[in-house]
Amino acid sequence: MTEKSIEQWWPELHTATKQWFRQNLRAESIESDVALEVYNAGGPDLKDTTLAPKDWDFIETQSEFVD
């Protein structure tokens, strides 16, 4: 399976999973249930790693309020 970009798999995640990422911004390890949901949505296998810096930047940007 070809890994999708975060712009493609992020919308597929449940709200609770997105909130986990926002509350644990730049975490060095990802909870197993969160990692599995990302993988099932077409994202990277995060079983033994974390997101790339550019993916964390995307999440941080998505979490900012618009004026």
N, C-alpha and C. Protein backbone atom coordinates (compact mmCIF):
# COMPACT_ATOMS: atom_id res chain seq x y z
N MET A 1 0.84 -1.18 0.00
CA MET A 1 0.00 0.00 0.00
C MET A 1 0.89 1.25 0.00
N THR A 2 0.56 2.19 -0.85
CA THR A 2 1.30 3.43 -0.92
C THR A 2 0.82 4.36 0.19
N GLU A 3 1.78 4.93 0.91
CA GLU A 3 1.45 5.84 1.99
C GLU A 3 0.91 7.15 1.45
N LYS A 4 -0.20 7.60 2.00
CA LYS A 4 -0.80 8.87 1.61
C LYS A 4 -0.12 10.00 2.37
N SER A 5 -0.27 11.21 1.86
CA SER A 5 0.22 12.38 2.58
C SER A 5 -0.76 12.70 3.70
N ILE A 6 -0.31 13.46 4.68
CA ILE A 6 -1.16 13.79 5.82
C ILE A 6 -2.43 14.53 5.39
N GLU A 7 -2.34 15.32 4.34
CA GLU A 7 -3.52 16.03 3.84
C GLU A 7 -4.60 15.05 3.39
N GLN A 8 -4.19 13.84 3.01
CA GLN A 8 -5.14 12.83 2.56
C GLN A 8 -5.67 11.97 3.70
N TRP A 9 -4.83 11.59 4.65
CA TRP A 9 -5.31 10.69 5.71
C TRP A 9 -5.87 11.43 6.93
N TRP A 10 -5.45 12.65 7.19
CA TRP A 10 -5.94 13.39 8.36
C TRP A 10 -7.47 13.50 8.40
N PRO A 11 -8.13 13.85 7.29
CA PRO A 11 -9.60 13.97 7.34
C PRO A 11 -10.30 12.64 7.66
N GLU A 12 -9.64 11.53 7.46
CA GLU A 12 -10.23 10.21 7.70
C GLU A 12 -10.23 9.82 9.18
N LEU A 13 -9.49 10.53 10.01
CA LEU A 13 -9.36 10.17 11.42
C LEU A 13 -10.59 10.60 12.22
N HIS A 14 -10.89 9.84 13.28
CA HIS A 14 -11.95 10.22 14.20
C HIS A 14 -11.52 11.48 14.97
N THR A 15 -12.49 12.24 15.42
CA THR A 15 -12.23 13.46 16.17
C THR A 15 -11.36 13.19 17.40
N ALA A 16 -11.63 12.11 18.11
CA ALA A 16 -10.85 11.79 19.31
C ALA A 16 -9.38 11.57 18.97
N THR A 17 -9.10 10.98 17.84
CA THR A 17 -7.71 10.75 17.41
C THR A 17 -7.04 12.07 17.07
N LYS A 18 -7.74 12.93 16.38
CA LYS A 18 -7.19 14.25 16.07
C LYS A 18 -6.90 15.02 17.36
N GLN A 19 -7.80 14.92 18.32
CA GLN A 19 -7.59 15.60 19.59
C GLN A 19 -6.37 15.04 20.31
N TRP A 20 -6.14 13.73 20.22
CA TRP A 20 -4.95 13.14 20.85
C TRP A 20 -3.69 13.78 20.27
N PHE A 21 -3.64 13.91 18.94
CA PHE A 21 -2.47 14.53 18.32
C PHE A 21 -2.31 15.98 18.76
N ARG A 22 -3.41 16.71 18.85
CA ARG A 22 -3.32 18.11 19.28
C ARG A 22 -2.86 18.24 20.73
N GLN A 23 -3.33 17.35 21.58
CA GLN A 23 -2.97 17.39 23.00
C GLN A 23 -1.56 16.85 23.25
N ASN A 24 -1.04 16.08 22.32
CA ASN A 24 0.28 15.47 22.47
C ASN A 24 1.21 15.91 21.34
N LEU A 25 1.11 17.18 20.98
CA LEU A 25 1.85 17.73 19.85
C LEU A 25 3.35 17.41 19.95
N ARG A 26 3.87 16.83 18.91
CA ARG A 26 5.28 16.44 18.77
C ARG A 26 5.70 15.34 19.74
N ALA A 27 4.75 14.48 20.09
CA ALA A 27 5.05 13.34 20.97
C ALA A 27 6.10 12.44 20.31
N GLU A 28 6.96 11.89 21.14
CA GLU A 28 8.02 11.02 20.64
C GLU A 28 7.54 9.60 20.39
N SER A 29 6.40 9.25 20.97
CA SER A 29 5.80 7.95 20.69
C SER A 29 4.29 8.14 20.57
N ILE A 30 3.68 7.27 19.80
CA ILE A 30 2.26 7.37 19.49
C ILE A 30 1.54 6.18 20.11
N GLU A 31 0.43 6.42 20.80
CA GLU A 31 -0.34 5.34 21.39
C GLU A 31 -0.74 4.33 20.31
N SER A 32 -0.78 3.07 20.66
CA SER A 32 -1.01 2.01 19.67
C SER A 32 -2.34 2.15 18.94
N ASP A 33 -3.42 2.52 19.63
CA ASP A 33 -4.71 2.65 18.96
C ASP A 33 -4.71 3.84 17.99
N VAL A 34 -4.01 4.90 18.35
CA VAL A 34 -3.88 6.07 17.48
C VAL A 34 -3.05 5.71 16.25
N ALA A 35 -1.93 5.02 16.47
CA ALA A 35 -1.06 4.59 15.37
C ALA A 35 -1.81 3.69 14.40
N LEU A 36 -2.63 2.78 14.92
CA LEU A 36 -3.38 1.87 14.07
C LEU A 36 -4.40 2.62 13.22
N GLU A 37 -5.07 3.60 13.80
CA GLU A 37 -6.04 4.38 13.02
C GLU A 37 -5.36 5.16 11.90
N VAL A 38 -4.19 5.74 12.19
CA VAL A 38 -3.44 6.46 11.15
C VAL A 38 -3.07 5.50 10.03
N TYR A 39 -2.56 4.35 10.38
CA TYR A 39 -2.15 3.36 9.37
C TYR A 39 -3.36 2.91 8.54
N ASN A 40 -4.48 2.64 9.20
CA ASN A 40 -5.67 2.19 8.48
C ASN A 40 -6.24 3.28 7.57
N ALA A 41 -5.96 4.55 7.88
CA ALA A 41 -6.40 5.66 7.04
C ALA A 41 -5.45 5.91 5.87
N GLY A 42 -4.35 5.14 5.82
CA GLY A 42 -3.41 5.28 4.71
C GLY A 42 -2.15 6.04 5.07
N GLY A 43 -1.99 6.37 6.35
CA GLY A 43 -0.82 7.11 6.79
C GLY A 43 0.35 6.19 7.12
N PRO A 44 1.39 6.74 7.70
CA PRO A 44 2.59 5.97 8.00
C PRO A 44 2.37 4.97 9.14
N ASP A 45 3.22 3.97 9.19
CA ASP A 45 3.22 3.01 10.29
C ASP A 45 3.96 3.65 11.45
N LEU A 46 3.23 4.00 12.49
CA LEU A 46 3.80 4.73 13.63
C LEU A 46 4.02 3.83 14.84
N LYS A 47 4.07 2.52 14.60
CA LYS A 47 4.20 1.56 15.69
C LYS A 47 5.43 1.82 16.55
N ASP A 48 6.56 2.12 15.93
CA ASP A 48 7.81 2.31 16.66
C ASP A 48 8.46 3.66 16.39
N THR A 49 7.66 4.62 15.95
CA THR A 49 8.21 5.92 15.57
C THR A 49 7.17 7.01 15.79
N THR A 50 7.44 8.20 15.34
CA THR A 50 6.50 9.30 15.44
C THR A 50 6.35 9.94 14.05
N LEU A 51 5.54 10.95 13.98
CA LEU A 51 5.33 11.64 12.71
C LEU A 51 6.57 12.45 12.31
N ALA A 52 6.65 12.72 11.03
CA ALA A 52 7.71 13.59 10.51
C ALA A 52 7.42 15.02 10.96
N PRO A 53 8.47 15.84 11.12
CA PRO A 53 8.26 17.24 11.53
C PRO A 53 7.24 17.99 10.66
N LYS A 54 7.24 17.75 9.37
CA LYS A 54 6.30 18.45 8.48
C LYS A 54 4.86 18.05 8.79
N ASP A 55 4.65 16.80 9.23
CA ASP A 55 3.31 16.36 9.59
C ASP A 55 2.86 17.01 10.90
N TRP A 56 3.78 17.12 11.86
CA TRP A 56 3.45 17.83 13.10
C TRP A 56 3.13 19.29 12.80
N ASP A 57 3.87 19.90 11.88
CA ASP A 57 3.59 21.29 11.49
C ASP A 57 2.17 21.42 10.93
N PHE A 58 1.77 20.44 10.11
CA PHE A 58 0.43 20.43 9.53
C PHE A 58 -0.62 20.38 10.64
N ILE A 59 -0.43 19.49 11.62
CA ILE A 59 -1.39 19.36 12.71
C ILE A 59 -1.46 20.65 13.53
N GLU A 60 -0.31 21.24 13.79
CA GLU A 60 -0.28 22.48 14.55
C GLU A 60 -1.02 23.58 13.79
N THR A 61 -0.81 23.67 12.51
CA THR A 61 -1.49 24.68 11.67
C THR A 61 -3.00 24.44 11.65
N GLN A 62 -3.42 23.17 11.56
CA GLN A 62 -4.84 22.85 11.53
C GLN A 62 -5.51 23.18 12.86
N SER A 63 -4.74 23.24 13.91
CA SER A 63 -5.28 23.46 15.25
C SER A 63 -5.37 24.93 15.63
N GLU A 64 -4.78 25.81 14.83
CA GLU A 64 -4.78 27.23 15.14
C GLU A 64 -6.12 27.85 14.79
N PHE A 65 -6.54 28.79 15.62
CA PHE A 65 -7.79 29.50 15.36
C PHE A 65 -7.56 30.61 14.35
N VAL A 66 -8.54 30.81 13.52
CA VAL A 66 -8.47 31.87 12.52
C VAL A 66 -9.05 33.14 13.14
N ASP A 67 -8.39 34.25 12.91
CA ASP A 67 -8.88 35.53 13.44
C ASP A 67 -10.13 35.98 12.71
